[in-house]
Each structure stands twice: as C-alpha cells, then as structure tokens.
Amino acid sequence: MCRLFRRLQSIESYLHTMSLLLSHTLGNMNTEIKLGLCNPPEPVYLYVNQGEINGESFVWYKFNIEQDKKIPVSQRALTGYLSSLRLTTKEFKGKDNLKLDIVVSADELYIIKTGL
C-alpha cells in the first residue's frame, strides 16, 4: 500500500509538471480555432508496445476488437499538440492496473494508451 501511494505521488507530481508545461506552451502558441457546427473527431487509439509481427517491427499499434488482432503502425513518430493526460485503471487478471492516456491533437485526435 505504501509503495502504491509513493508511486501515485510521483505520478501526480509528473502530471502536475506536465500540466504547467502544457499551460505555458499553449499560452505562447498562436492557434486557429475553427468555429461552427461539425462532427466531433473520432479518436484513434494507439497502444505502446515494441514488437514484431510477420517480420515487421513496430513501436505502437492499433487494436481491432472484432478480430482480436494487433495492427502495427509503421510510422515511428507522432507530431501534434498535447491536449491532456489522464490516469485510468483497468482490471487485468483480477487486479487493477494503472494506465496513462496521452491525448494528442494532430491531423486526427489520438489517444495513446500505455501502462505505468
């Protein structure tokens, strides 16, 4: 319990620092906001896990739920603006696991999901 508390404190400190950096960055950016009606962007979920499928190396992948299959992403870099950081929990093998969602605005809205 004490170890989990220390881990949560360090994550909280990290997120606070990231929030300050994000606020500073957004304050110094000139961004164009398109106004009016539109359909909300549907996020692209990316999962972090270095691996290889059929001889193809990848750093992250998409996941097809219907086929229960990893789809490697060949691009190695994602550029965009950090929109938010979220901590979530997901149950795995009867235990709660802490996950970090990194939301990036780019050509599309990306949510990068990774374990802690």
PDB file of N, CA and C in Angstrom:
ATOM      1  N   MET A   1       0.819  -1.191   0.000  1.00  0.00           N
ATOM      2  CA  MET A   1       0.000   0.000   0.000  1.00  0.00           C
ATOM      3  C   MET A   1       0.862   1.252   0.000  1.00  0.00           C
ATOM      4  N   CYS A   2       1.927   1.251   0.822  1.00  0.00           N
ATOM      5  CA  CYS A   2       2.821   2.401   0.908  1.00  0.00           C
ATOM      6  C   CYS A   2       3.535   2.607  -0.428  1.00  0.00           C
ATOM      7  N   ARG A   3       3.932   1.508  -1.081  1.00  0.00           N
ATOM      8  CA  ARG A   3       4.616   1.591  -2.371  1.00  0.00           C
ATOM      9  C   ARG A   3       3.688   2.178  -3.437  1.00  0.00           C
ATOM     10  N   LEU A   4       2.431   1.758  -3.427  1.00  0.00           N
ATOM     11  CA  LEU A   4       1.452   2.287  -4.358  1.00  0.00           C
ATOM     12  C   LEU A   4       1.232   3.775  -4.123  1.00  0.00           C
ATOM     13  N   PHE A   5       1.168   4.174  -2.848  1.00  0.00           N
ATOM     14  CA  PHE A   5       0.984   5.582  -2.514  1.00  0.00           C
ATOM     15  C   PHE A   5       2.152   6.413  -3.030  1.00  0.00           C
ATOM     16  N   ARG A   6       3.395   5.930  -2.847  1.00  0.00           N
ATOM     17  CA  ARG A   6       4.569   6.654  -3.347  1.00  0.00           C
ATOM     18  C   ARG A   6       4.539   6.745  -4.869  1.00  0.00           C
ATOM     19  N   ARG A   7       4.119   5.671  -5.506  1.00  0.00           N
ATOM     20  CA  ARG A   7       4.036   5.662  -6.965  1.00  0.00           C
ATOM     21  C   ARG A   7       3.004   6.672  -7.446  1.00  0.00           C
ATOM     22  N   LEU A   8       1.860   6.712  -6.789  1.00  0.00           N
ATOM     23  CA  LEU A   8       0.821   7.673  -7.156  1.00  0.00           C
ATOM     24  C   LEU A   8       1.292   9.104  -6.928  1.00  0.00           C
ATOM     25  N   GLN A   9       2.051   9.337  -5.837  1.00  0.00           N
ATOM     26  CA  GLN A   9       2.585  10.666  -5.579  1.00  0.00           C
ATOM     27  C   GLN A   9       3.544  11.091  -6.690  1.00  0.00           C
ATOM     28  N   SER A  10       4.415  10.188  -7.127  1.00  0.00           N
ATOM     29  CA  SER A  10       5.360  10.552  -8.183  1.00  0.00           C
ATOM     30  C   SER A  10       4.624  10.787  -9.503  1.00  0.00           C
ATOM     31  N   ILE A  11       3.583  10.009  -9.781  1.00  0.00           N
ATOM     32  CA  ILE A  11       2.795  10.214 -10.994  1.00  0.00           C
ATOM     33  C   ILE A  11       2.076  11.549 -10.920  1.00  0.00           C
ATOM     34  N   GLU A  12       1.521  11.857  -9.752  1.00  0.00           N
ATOM     35  CA  GLU A  12       0.830  13.127  -9.570  1.00  0.00           C
ATOM     36  C   GLU A  12       1.784  14.296  -9.778  1.00  0.00           C
ATOM     37  N   SER A  13       2.994  14.190  -9.248  1.00  0.00           N
ATOM     38  CA  SER A  13       4.000  15.231  -9.423  1.00  0.00           C
ATOM     39  C   SER A  13       4.358  15.387 -10.893  1.00  0.00           C
ATOM     40  N   TYR A  14       4.538  14.268 -11.586  1.00  0.00           N
ATOM     41  CA  TYR A  14       4.861  14.291 -13.008  1.00  0.00           C
ATOM     42  C   TYR A  14       3.731  14.955 -13.801  1.00  0.00           C
ATOM     43  N   LEU A  15       2.482  14.584 -13.517  1.00  0.00           N
ATOM     44  CA  LEU A  15       1.345  15.158 -14.228  1.00  0.00           C
ATOM     45  C   LEU A  15       1.215  16.653 -13.956  1.00  0.00           C
ATOM     46  N   HIS A  16       1.510  17.074 -12.725  1.00  0.00           N
ATOM     47  CA  HIS A  16       1.466  18.494 -12.391  1.00  0.00           C
ATOM     48  C   HIS A  16       2.500  19.260 -13.217  1.00  0.00           C
ATOM     49  N   THR A  17       3.712  18.721 -13.308  1.00  0.00           N
ATOM     50  CA  THR A  17       4.763  19.352 -14.103  1.00  0.00           C
ATOM     51  C   THR A  17       4.350  19.425 -15.568  1.00  0.00           C
ATOM     52  N   MET A  18       3.798  18.320 -16.096  1.00  0.00           N
ATOM     53  CA  MET A  18       3.348  18.302 -17.488  1.00  0.00           C
ATOM     54  C   MET A  18       2.233  19.326 -17.712  1.00  0.00           C
ATOM     55  N   SER A  19       1.350  19.473 -16.738  1.00  0.00           N
ATOM     56  CA  SER A  19       0.263  20.443 -16.842  1.00  0.00           C
ATOM     57  C   SER A  19       0.805  21.868 -16.908  1.00  0.00           C
ATOM     58  N   LEU A  20       1.805  22.175 -16.086  1.00  0.00           N
ATOM     59  CA  LEU A  20       2.420  23.505 -16.114  1.00  0.00           C
ATOM     60  C   LEU A  20       3.096  23.761 -17.453  1.00  0.00           C
ATOM     61  N   LEU A  21       3.814  22.767 -17.962  1.00  0.00           N
ATOM     62  CA  LEU A  21       4.475  22.917 -19.261  1.00  0.00           C
ATOM     63  C   LEU A  21       3.453  23.097 -20.378  1.00  0.00           C
ATOM     64  N   LEU A  22       2.371  22.338 -20.318  1.00  0.00           N
ATOM     65  CA  LEU A  22       1.320  22.453 -21.325  1.00  0.00           C
ATOM     66  C   LEU A  22       0.684  23.837 -21.285  1.00  0.00           C
ATOM     67  N   SER A  23       0.391  24.342 -20.091  1.00  0.00           N
ATOM     68  CA  SER A  23      -0.201  25.673 -19.955  1.00  0.00           C
ATOM     69  C   SER A  23       0.728  26.739 -20.520  1.00  0.00           C
ATOM     70  N   HIS A  24       2.012  26.616 -20.213  1.00  0.00           N
ATOM     71  CA  HIS A  24       2.999  27.572 -20.710  1.00  0.00           C
ATOM     72  C   HIS A  24       3.078  27.506 -22.235  1.00  0.00           C
ATOM     73  N   THR A  25       3.118  26.301 -22.782  1.00  0.00           N
ATOM     74  CA  THR A  25       3.220  26.122 -24.229  1.00  0.00           C
ATOM     75  C   THR A  25       1.993  26.679 -24.930  1.00  0.00           C
ATOM     76  N   LEU A  26       0.812  26.355 -24.423  1.00  0.00           N
ATOM     77  CA  LEU A  26      -0.417  26.835 -25.053  1.00  0.00           C
ATOM     78  C   LEU A  26      -0.537  28.350 -24.949  1.00  0.00           C
ATOM     79  N   GLY A  27      -0.032  28.921 -23.858  1.00  0.00           N
ATOM     80  CA  GLY A  27      -0.056  30.364 -23.693  1.00  0.00           C
ATOM     81  C   GLY A  27       0.828  31.073 -24.695  1.00  0.00           C
ATOM     82  N   ASN A  28       1.857  30.402 -25.183  1.00  0.00           N
ATOM     83  CA  ASN A  28       2.792  31.002 -26.131  1.00  0.00           C
ATOM     84  C   ASN A  28       2.497  30.630 -27.582  1.00  0.00           C
ATOM     85  N   MET A  29       1.452  29.865 -27.830  1.00  0.00           N
ATOM     86  CA  MET A  29       1.135  29.425 -29.184  1.00  0.00           C
ATOM     87  C   MET A  29       0.017  30.270 -29.780  1.00  0.00           C
ATOM     88  N   ASN A  30       0.121  30.500 -31.055  1.00  0.00           N
ATOM     89  CA  ASN A  30      -0.995  31.096 -31.788  1.00  0.00           C
ATOM     90  C   ASN A  30      -1.707  29.949 -32.470  1.00  0.00           C
ATOM     91  N   THR A  31      -2.905  29.634 -32.025  1.00  0.00           N
ATOM     92  CA  THR A  31      -3.646  28.536 -32.630  1.00  0.00           C
ATOM     93  C   THR A  31      -4.926  29.069 -33.247  1.00  0.00           C
ATOM     94  N   GLU A  32      -5.281  28.482 -34.354  1.00  0.00           N
ATOM     95  CA  GLU A  32      -6.501  28.862 -35.034  1.00  0.00           C
ATOM     96  C   GLU A  32      -7.590  27.874 -34.645  1.00  0.00           C
ATOM     97  N   ILE A  33      -8.675  28.372 -34.082  1.00  0.00           N
ATOM     98  CA  ILE A  33      -9.792  27.523 -33.697  1.00  0.00           C
ATOM     99  C   ILE A  33     -10.897  27.714 -34.717  1.00  0.00           C
ATOM    100  N   LYS A  34     -11.296  26.622 -35.351  1.00  0.00           N
ATOM    101  CA  LYS A  34     -12.367  26.686 -36.327  1.00  0.00           C
ATOM    102  C   LYS A  34     -13.690  26.651 -35.584  1.00  0.00           C
ATOM    103  N   LEU A  35     -14.525  27.618 -35.890  1.00  0.00           N
ATOM    104  CA  LEU A  35     -15.807  27.740 -35.208  1.00  0.00           C
ATOM    105  C   LEU A  35     -16.929  27.219 -36.092  1.00  0.00           C
ATOM    106  N   GLY A  36     -18.036  26.850 -35.470  1.00  0.00           N
ATOM    107  CA  GLY A  36     -19.206  26.409 -36.213  1.00  0.00           C
ATOM    108  C   GLY A  36     -19.556  24.965 -35.900  1.00  0.00           C
ATOM    109  N   LEU A  37     -20.564  24.482 -36.570  1.00  0.00           N
ATOM    110  CA  LEU A  37     -21.013  23.112 -36.355  1.00  0.00           C
ATOM    111  C   LEU A  37     -20.113  22.131 -37.087  1.00  0.00           C
ATOM    112  N   CYS A  38     -19.889  21.008 -36.459  1.00  0.00           N
ATOM    113  CA  CYS A  38     -19.114  19.945 -37.098  1.00  0.00           C
ATOM    114  C   CYS A  38     -19.339  18.656 -36.317  1.00  0.00           C
ATOM    115  N   ASN A  39     -18.914  17.555 -36.893  1.00  0.00           N
ATOM    116  CA  ASN A  39     -18.958  16.287 -36.183  1.00  0.00           C
ATOM    117  C   ASN A  39     -17.714  16.192 -35.314  1.00  0.00           C
ATOM    118  N   PRO A  40     -17.870  15.756 -34.074  1.00  0.00           N
ATOM    119  CA  PRO A  40     -16.684  15.648 -33.226  1.00  0.00           C
ATOM    120  C   PRO A  40     -15.728  14.602 -33.802  1.00  0.00           C
ATOM    121  N   PRO A  41     -14.426  14.866 -33.683  1.00  0.00           N
ATOM    122  CA  PRO A  41     -13.478  13.891 -34.225  1.00  0.00           C
ATOM    123  C   PRO A  41     -13.522  12.593 -33.438  1.00  0.00           C
ATOM    124  N   GLU A  42     -13.444  11.498 -34.164  1.00  0.00           N
ATOM    125  CA  GLU A  42     -13.389  10.200 -33.511  1.00  0.00           C
ATOM    126  C   GLU A  42     -11.929   9.882 -33.223  1.00  0.00           C
ATOM    127  N   PRO A  43     -11.587   9.573 -31.988  1.00  0.00           N
ATOM    128  CA  PRO A  43     -10.168   9.378 -31.672  1.00  0.00           C
ATOM    129  C   PRO A  43      -9.592   8.103 -32.276  1.00  0.00           C
ATOM    130  N   VAL A  44      -8.305   8.164 -32.566  1.00  0.00           N
ATOM    131  CA  VAL A  44      -7.547   6.995 -32.994  1.00  0.00           C
ATOM    132  C   VAL A  44      -6.789   6.516 -31.760  1.00  0.00           C
ATOM    133  N   TYR A  45      -7.029   5.284 -31.339  1.00  0.00           N
ATOM    134  CA  TYR A  45      -6.355   4.742 -30.165  1.00  0.00           C
ATOM    135  C   TYR A  45      -5.068   4.061 -30.601  1.00  0.00           C
ATOM    136  N   LEU A  46      -3.964   4.469 -29.982  1.00  0.00           N
ATOM    137  CA  LEU A  46      -2.663   3.856 -30.213  1.00  0.00           C
ATOM    138  C   LEU A  46      -2.190   3.232 -28.916  1.00  0.00           C
ATOM    139  N   TYR A  47      -1.612   2.056 -28.997  1.00  0.00           N
ATOM    140  CA  TYR A  47      -1.095   1.362 -27.828  1.00  0.00           C
ATOM    141  C   TYR A  47       0.417   1.260 -27.960  1.00  0.00           C
ATOM    142  N   VAL A  48       1.120   1.486 -26.857  1.00  0.00           N
ATOM    143  CA  VAL A  48       2.571   1.455 -26.863  1.00  0.00           C
ATOM    144  C   VAL A  48       3.054   0.060 -26.505  1.00  0.00           C
ATOM    145  N   ASN A  49       3.846  -0.533 -27.410  1.00  0.00           N
ATOM    146  CA  ASN A  49       4.434  -1.844 -27.149  1.00  0.00           C
ATOM    147  C   ASN A  49       5.347  -2.188 -28.314  1.00  0.00           C
ATOM    148  N   GLN A  50       6.629  -2.182 -28.074  1.00  0.00           N
ATOM    149  CA  GLN A  50       7.576  -2.518 -29.128  1.00  0.00           C
ATOM    150  C   GLN A  50       7.478  -4.010 -29.419  1.00  0.00           C
ATOM    151  N   GLY A  51       7.437  -4.354 -30.684  1.00  0.00           N
ATOM    152  CA  GLY A  51       7.327  -5.763 -31.032  1.00  0.00           C
ATOM    153  C   GLY A  51       7.537  -6.002 -32.504  1.00  0.00           C
ATOM    154  N   GLU A  52       7.170  -7.196 -32.918  1.00  0.00           N
ATOM    155  CA  GLU A  52       7.335  -7.583 -34.310  1.00  0.00           C
ATOM    156  C   GLU A  52       6.217  -8.551 -34.690  1.00  0.00           C
ATOM    157  N   ILE A  53       5.614  -8.305 -35.840  1.00  0.00           N
ATOM    158  CA  ILE A  53       4.594  -9.202 -36.382  1.00  0.00           C
ATOM    159  C   ILE A  53       4.948  -9.450 -37.849  1.00  0.00           C
ATOM    160  N   ASN A  54       5.076 -10.711 -38.215  1.00  0.00           N
ATOM    161  CA  ASN A  54       5.428 -11.102 -39.588  1.00  0.00           C
ATOM    162  C   ASN A  54       6.681 -10.378 -40.076  1.00  0.00           C
ATOM    163  N   GLY A  55       7.675 -10.257 -39.206  1.00  0.00           N
ATOM    164  CA  GLY A  55       8.932  -9.614 -39.576  1.00  0.00           C
ATOM    165  C   GLY A  55       8.890  -8.103 -39.602  1.00  0.00           C
ATOM    166  N   GLU A  56       7.759  -7.508 -39.265  1.00  0.00           N
ATOM    167  CA  GLU A  56       7.604  -6.050 -39.273  1.00  0.00           C
ATOM    168  C   GLU A  56       7.729  -5.524 -37.837  1.00  0.00           C
ATOM    169  N   SER A  57       8.749  -4.684 -37.610  1.00  0.00           N
ATOM    170  CA  SER A  57       8.941  -4.089 -36.281  1.00  0.00           C
ATOM    171  C   SER A  57       8.006  -2.899 -36.105  1.00  0.00           C
ATOM    172  N   PHE A  58       7.570  -2.696 -34.881  1.00  0.00           N
ATOM    173  CA  PHE A  58       6.716  -1.548 -34.596  1.00  0.00           C
ATOM    174  C   PHE A  58       6.940  -1.080 -33.166  1.00  0.00           C
ATOM    175  N   VAL A  59       6.617   0.198 -32.946  1.00  0.00           N
ATOM    176  CA  VAL A  59       6.706   0.787 -31.606  1.00  0.00           C
ATOM    177  C   VAL A  59       5.320   0.851 -30.987  1.00  0.00           C
ATOM    178  N   TRP A  60       4.331   1.121 -31.819  1.00  0.00           N
ATOM    179  CA  TRP A  60       2.956   1.135 -31.328  1.00  0.00           C
ATOM    180  C   TRP A  60       2.032   0.476 -32.334  1.00  0.00           C
ATOM    181  N   TYR A  61       0.822   0.239 -31.871  1.00  0.00           N
ATOM    182  CA  TYR A  61      -0.135  -0.475 -32.722  1.00  0.00           C
ATOM    183  C   TYR A  61      -1.551  -0.018 -32.410  1.00  0.00           C
ATOM    184  N   LYS A  62      -2.448  -0.290 -33.355  1.00  0.00           N
ATOM    185  CA  LYS A  62      -3.889  -0.136 -33.148  1.00  0.00           C
ATOM    186  C   LYS A  62      -4.411  -1.530 -32.824  1.00  0.00           C
ATOM    187  N   PHE A  63      -5.608  -1.600 -32.267  1.00  0.00           N
ATOM    188  CA  PHE A  63      -6.166  -2.901 -31.923  1.00  0.00           C
ATOM    189  C   PHE A  63      -7.547  -3.039 -32.536  1.00  0.00           C
ATOM    190  N   ASN A  64      -7.753  -4.107 -33.301  1.00  0.00           N
ATOM    191  CA  ASN A  64      -9.044  -4.406 -33.907  1.00  0.00           C
ATOM    192  C   ASN A  64      -9.798  -5.339 -32.963  1.00  0.00           C
ATOM    193  N   ILE A  65     -10.824  -4.819 -32.318  1.00  0.00           N
ATOM    194  CA  ILE A  65     -11.570  -5.585 -31.315  1.00  0.00           C
ATOM    195  C   ILE A  65     -12.314  -6.761 -31.947  1.00  0.00           C
ATOM    196  N   GLU A  66     -12.930  -6.524 -33.131  1.00  0.00           N
ATOM    197  CA  GLU A  66     -13.700  -7.591 -33.775  1.00  0.00           C
ATOM    198  C   GLU A  66     -12.834  -8.804 -34.093  1.00  0.00           C
ATOM    199  N   GLN A  67     -11.597  -8.555 -34.529  1.00  0.00           N
ATOM    200  CA  GLN A  67     -10.702  -9.647 -34.910  1.00  0.00           C
ATOM    201  C   GLN A  67      -9.736 -10.036 -33.794  1.00  0.00           C
ATOM    202  N   ASP A  68      -9.788  -9.300 -32.670  1.00  0.00           N
ATOM    203  CA  ASP A  68      -8.867  -9.539 -31.547  1.00  0.00           C
ATOM    204  C   ASP A  68      -7.426  -9.593 -32.064  1.00  0.00           C
ATOM    205  N   LYS A  69      -7.045  -8.505 -32.788  1.00  0.00           N
ATOM    206  CA  LYS A  69      -5.772  -8.509 -33.511  1.00  0.00           C
ATOM    207  C   LYS A  69      -5.061  -7.165 -33.387  1.00  0.00           C
ATOM    208  N   LYS A  70      -3.736  -7.217 -33.156  1.00  0.00           N
ATOM    209  CA  LYS A  70      -2.901  -6.014 -33.166  1.00  0.00           C
ATOM    210  C   LYS A  70      -2.617  -5.628 -34.615  1.00  0.00           C
ATOM    211  N   ILE A  71      -2.714  -4.329 -34.891  1.00  0.00           N
ATOM    212  CA  ILE A  71      -2.390  -3.811 -36.218  1.00  0.00           C
ATOM    213  C   ILE A  71      -1.211  -2.858 -36.050  1.00  0.00           C
ATOM    214  N   PRO A  72      -0.002  -3.278 -36.461  1.00  0.00           N
ATOM    215  CA  PRO A  72       1.183  -2.442 -36.276  1.00  0.00           C
ATOM    216  C   PRO A  72       1.053  -1.103 -37.006  1.00  0.00           C
ATOM    217  N   VAL A  73       1.597  -0.062 -36.402  1.00  0.00           N
ATOM    218  CA  VAL A  73       1.677   1.260 -37.034  1.00  0.00           C
ATOM    219  C   VAL A  73       3.123   1.419 -37.486  1.00  0.00           C
ATOM    220  N   SER A  74       3.330   1.595 -38.783  1.00  0.00           N
ATOM    221  CA  SER A  74       4.695   1.631 -39.311  1.00  0.00           C
ATOM    222  C   SER A  74       5.399   2.959 -39.020  1.00  0.00           C
ATOM    223  N   GLN A  75       4.649   4.047 -38.903  1.00  0.00           N
ATOM    224  CA  GLN A  75       5.264   5.335 -38.596  1.00  0.00           C
ATOM    225  C   GLN A  75       5.825   5.297 -37.178  1.00  0.00           C
ATOM    226  N   ARG A  76       7.012   5.874 -37.004  1.00  0.00           N
ATOM    227  CA  ARG A  76       7.673   5.800 -35.712  1.00  0.00           C
ATOM    228  C   ARG A  76       7.498   7.077 -34.885  1.00  0.00           C
ATOM    229  N   ALA A  77       6.959   8.139 -35.491  1.00  0.00           N
ATOM    230  CA  ALA A  77       6.824   9.404 -34.774  1.00  0.00           C
ATOM    231  C   ALA A  77       5.405   9.949 -34.934  1.00  0.00           C
ATOM    232  N   LEU A  78       4.954  10.628 -33.913  1.00  0.00           N
ATOM    233  CA  LEU A  78       3.659  11.308 -33.934  1.00  0.00           C
ATOM    234  C   LEU A  78       3.908  12.747 -33.513  1.00  0.00           C
ATOM    235  N   THR A  79       3.536  13.691 -34.360  1.00  0.00           N
ATOM    236  CA  THR A  79       3.674  15.099 -34.007  1.00  0.00           C
ATOM    237  C   THR A  79       2.291  15.679 -33.817  1.00  0.00           C
ATOM    238  N   GLY A  80       2.172  16.568 -32.865  1.00  0.00           N
ATOM    239  CA  GLY A  80       0.887  17.187 -32.581  1.00  0.00           C
ATOM    240  C   GLY A  80       0.985  17.980 -31.290  1.00  0.00           C
ATOM    241  N   TYR A  81      -0.145  18.379 -30.786  1.00  0.00           N
ATOM    242  CA  TYR A  81      -0.224  19.159 -29.553  1.00  0.00           C
ATOM    243  C   TYR A  81      -0.803  18.298 -28.442  1.00  0.00           C
ATOM    244  N   LEU A  82      -0.126  18.294 -27.314  1.00  0.00           N
ATOM    245  CA  LEU A  82      -0.603  17.562 -26.147  1.00  0.00           C
ATOM    246  C   LEU A  82      -1.856  18.244 -25.624  1.00  0.00           C
ATOM    247  N   SER A  83      -2.963  17.508 -25.614  1.00  0.00           N
ATOM    248  CA  SER A  83      -4.241  18.075 -25.155  1.00  0.00           C
ATOM    249  C   SER A  83      -4.495  17.785 -23.689  1.00  0.00           C
ATOM    250  N   SER A  84      -4.219  16.540 -23.278  1.00  0.00           N
ATOM    251  CA  SER A  84      -4.446  16.194 -21.878  1.00  0.00           C
ATOM    252  C   SER A  84      -3.753  14.890 -21.534  1.00  0.00           C
ATOM    253  N   LEU A  85      -3.616  14.671 -20.243  1.00  0.00           N
ATOM    254  CA  LEU A  85      -3.101  13.427 -19.686  1.00  0.00           C
ATOM    255  C   LEU A  85      -4.151  12.909 -18.716  1.00  0.00           C
ATOM    256  N   ARG A  86      -4.455  11.608 -18.792  1.00  0.00           N
ATOM    257  CA  ARG A  86      -5.466  11.033 -17.897  1.00  0.00           C
ATOM    258  C   ARG A  86      -4.939   9.731 -17.311  1.00  0.00           C
ATOM    259  N   LEU A  87      -5.167   9.558 -16.042  1.00  0.00           N
ATOM    260  CA  LEU A  87      -4.866   8.285 -15.388  1.00  0.00           C
ATOM    261  C   LEU A  87      -6.157   7.484 -15.301  1.00  0.00           C
ATOM    262  N   THR A  88      -6.095   6.229 -15.731  1.00  0.00           N
ATOM    263  CA  THR A  88      -7.257   5.362 -15.658  1.00  0.00           C
ATOM    264  C   THR A  88      -6.820   4.028 -15.052  1.00  0.00           C
ATOM    265  N   THR A  89      -7.773   3.259 -14.597  1.00  0.00           N
ATOM    266  CA  THR A  89      -7.463   1.915 -14.112  1.00  0.00           C
ATOM    267  C   THR A  89      -8.210   0.913 -14.984  1.00  0.00           C
ATOM    268  N   LYS A  90      -7.576  -0.222 -15.193  1.00  0.00           N
ATOM    269  CA  LYS A  90      -8.195  -1.298 -15.957  1.00  0.00           C
ATOM    270  C   LYS A  90      -7.915  -2.597 -15.229  1.00  0.00           C
ATOM    271  N   GLU A  91      -8.956  -3.399 -15.063  1.00  0.00           N
ATOM    272  CA  GLU A  91      -8.784  -4.664 -14.363  1.00  0.00           C
ATOM    273  C   GLU A  91      -8.159  -5.687 -15.309  1.00  0.00           C
ATOM    274  N   PHE A  92      -7.123  -6.359 -14.826  1.00  0.00           N
ATOM    275  CA  PHE A  92      -6.446  -7.398 -15.600  1.00  0.00           C
ATOM    276  C   PHE A  92      -6.048  -8.502 -14.642  1.00  0.00           C
ATOM    277  N   LYS A  93      -6.530  -9.696 -14.913  1.00  0.00           N
ATOM    278  CA  LYS A  93      -6.266 -10.861 -14.065  1.00  0.00           C
ATOM    279  C   LYS A  93      -6.636 -10.598 -12.607  1.00  0.00           C
ATOM    280  N   GLY A  94      -7.772  -9.935 -12.411  1.00  0.00           N
ATOM    281  CA  GLY A  94      -8.291  -9.697 -11.067  1.00  0.00           C
ATOM    282  C   GLY A  94      -7.634  -8.561 -10.308  1.00  0.00           C
ATOM    283  N   LYS A  95      -6.712  -7.842 -10.938  1.00  0.00           N
ATOM    284  CA  LYS A  95      -6.032  -6.719 -10.279  1.00  0.00           C
ATOM    285  C   LYS A  95      -6.242  -5.446 -11.087  1.00  0.00           C
ATOM    286  N   ASP A  96      -6.311  -4.316 -10.363  1.00  0.00           N
ATOM    287  CA  ASP A  96      -6.404  -3.022 -11.039  1.00  0.00           C
ATOM    288  C   ASP A  96      -5.019  -2.594 -11.500  1.00  0.00           C
ATOM    289  N   ASN A  97      -4.914  -2.231 -12.768  1.00  0.00           N
ATOM    290  CA  ASN A  97      -3.663  -1.739 -13.339  1.00  0.00           C
ATOM    291  C   ASN A  97      -3.834  -0.283 -13.718  1.00  0.00           C
ATOM    292  N   LEU A  98      -2.843   0.538 -13.373  1.00  0.00           N
ATOM    293  CA  LEU A  98      -2.852   1.952 -13.697  1.00  0.00           C
ATOM    294  C   LEU A  98      -2.421   2.141 -15.144  1.00  0.00           C
ATOM    295  N   LYS A  99      -3.169   2.940 -15.885  1.00  0.00           N
ATOM    296  CA  LYS A  99      -2.886   3.234 -17.287  1.00  0.00           C
ATOM    297  C   LYS A  99      -2.808   4.745 -17.457  1.00  0.00           C
ATOM    298  N   LEU A 100      -1.992   5.180 -18.410  1.00  0.00           N
ATOM    299  CA  LEU A 100      -1.889   6.595 -18.746  1.00  0.00           C
ATOM    300  C   LEU A 100      -2.417   6.778 -20.155  1.00  0.00           C
ATOM    301  N   ASP A 101      -3.369   7.692 -20.323  1.00  0.00           N
ATOM    302  CA  ASP A 101      -3.875   8.067 -21.645  1.00  0.00           C
ATOM    303  C   ASP A 101      -3.292   9.429 -21.988  1.00  0.00           C
ATOM    304  N   ILE A 102      -2.589   9.506 -23.107  1.00  0.00           N
ATOM    305  CA  ILE A 102      -1.992  10.745 -23.585  1.00  0.00           C
ATOM    306  C   ILE A 102      -2.811  11.183 -24.796  1.00  0.00           C
ATOM    307  N   VAL A 103      -3.486  12.319 -24.683  1.00  0.00           N
ATOM    308  CA  VAL A 103      -4.357  12.791 -25.753  1.00  0.00           C
ATOM    309  C   VAL A 103      -3.596  13.832 -26.577  1.00  0.00           C
ATOM    310  N   VAL A 104      -3.465  13.550 -27.885  1.00  0.00           N
ATOM    311  CA  VAL A 104      -2.696  14.402 -28.790  1.00  0.00           C
ATOM    312  C   VAL A 104      -3.608  14.868 -29.922  1.00  0.00           C
ATOM    313  N   SER A 105      -3.640  16.191 -30.134  1.00  0.00           N
ATOM    314  CA  SER A 105      -4.381  16.749 -31.268  1.00  0.00           C
ATOM    315  C   SER A 105      -3.410  16.921 -32.423  1.00  0.00           C
ATOM    316  N   ALA A 106      -3.730  16.329 -33.552  1.00  0.00           N
ATOM    317  CA  ALA A 106      -2.895  16.424 -34.750  1.00  0.00           C
ATOM    318  C   ALA A 106      -3.840  16.425 -35.948  1.00  0.00           C
ATOM    319  N   ASP A 107      -3.467  15.734 -37.034  1.00  0.00           N
ATOM    320  CA  ASP A 107      -4.371  15.622 -38.167  1.00  0.00           C
ATOM    321  C   ASP A 107      -5.665  14.936 -37.762  1.00  0.00           C
ATOM    322  N   GLU A 108      -5.573  14.103 -36.722  1.00  0.00           N
ATOM    323  CA  GLU A 108      -6.715  13.461 -36.085  1.00  0.00           C
ATOM    324  C   GLU A 108      -6.495  13.554 -34.577  1.00  0.00           C
ATOM    325  N   LEU A 109      -7.483  13.151 -33.823  1.00  0.00           N
ATOM    326  CA  LEU A 109      -7.327  13.103 -32.373  1.00  0.00           C
ATOM    327  C   LEU A 109      -6.799  11.726 -32.006  1.00  0.00           C
ATOM    328  N   TYR A 110      -5.632  11.680 -31.358  1.00  0.00           N
ATOM    329  CA  TYR A 110      -5.006  10.412 -30.976  1.00  0.00           C
ATOM    330  C   TYR A 110      -5.053  10.254 -29.463  1.00  0.00           C
ATOM    331  N   ILE A 111      -5.335   9.049 -29.016  1.00  0.00           N
ATOM    332  CA  ILE A 111      -5.238   8.720 -27.597  1.00  0.00           C
ATOM    333  C   ILE A 111      -4.235   7.581 -27.492  1.00  0.00           C
ATOM    334  N   ILE A 112      -3.092   7.894 -26.901  1.00  0.00           N
ATOM    335  CA  ILE A 112      -2.034   6.894 -26.726  1.00  0.00           C
ATOM    336  C   ILE A 112      -2.237   6.276 -25.370  1.00  0.00           C
ATOM    337  N   LYS A 113      -2.402   4.957 -25.338  1.00  0.00           N
ATOM    338  CA  LYS A 113      -2.658   4.245 -24.093  1.00  0.00           C
ATOM    339  C   LYS A 113      -1.414   3.445 -23.725  1.00  0.00           C
ATOM    340  N   THR A 114      -0.964   3.614 -22.492  1.00  0.00           N
ATOM    341  CA  THR A 114       0.221   2.899 -22.032  1.00  0.00           C
ATOM    342  C   THR A 114       0.078   2.543 -20.563  1.00  0.00           C
ATOM    343  N   GLY A 115       0.738   1.477 -20.154  1.00  0.00           N
ATOM    344  CA  GLY A 115       0.745   1.074 -18.756  1.00  0.00           C
ATOM    345  C   GLY A 115       1.792   1.847 -17.987  1.00  0.00           C
ATOM    346  N   LEU A 116       1.637   1.862 -16.674  1.00  0.00           N
ATOM    347  CA  LEU A 116       2.623   2.532 -15.822  1.00  0.00           C
ATOM    348  C   LEU A 116       3.363   1.502 -14.997  1.00  0.00           C
TER     349      LEU A 116
END
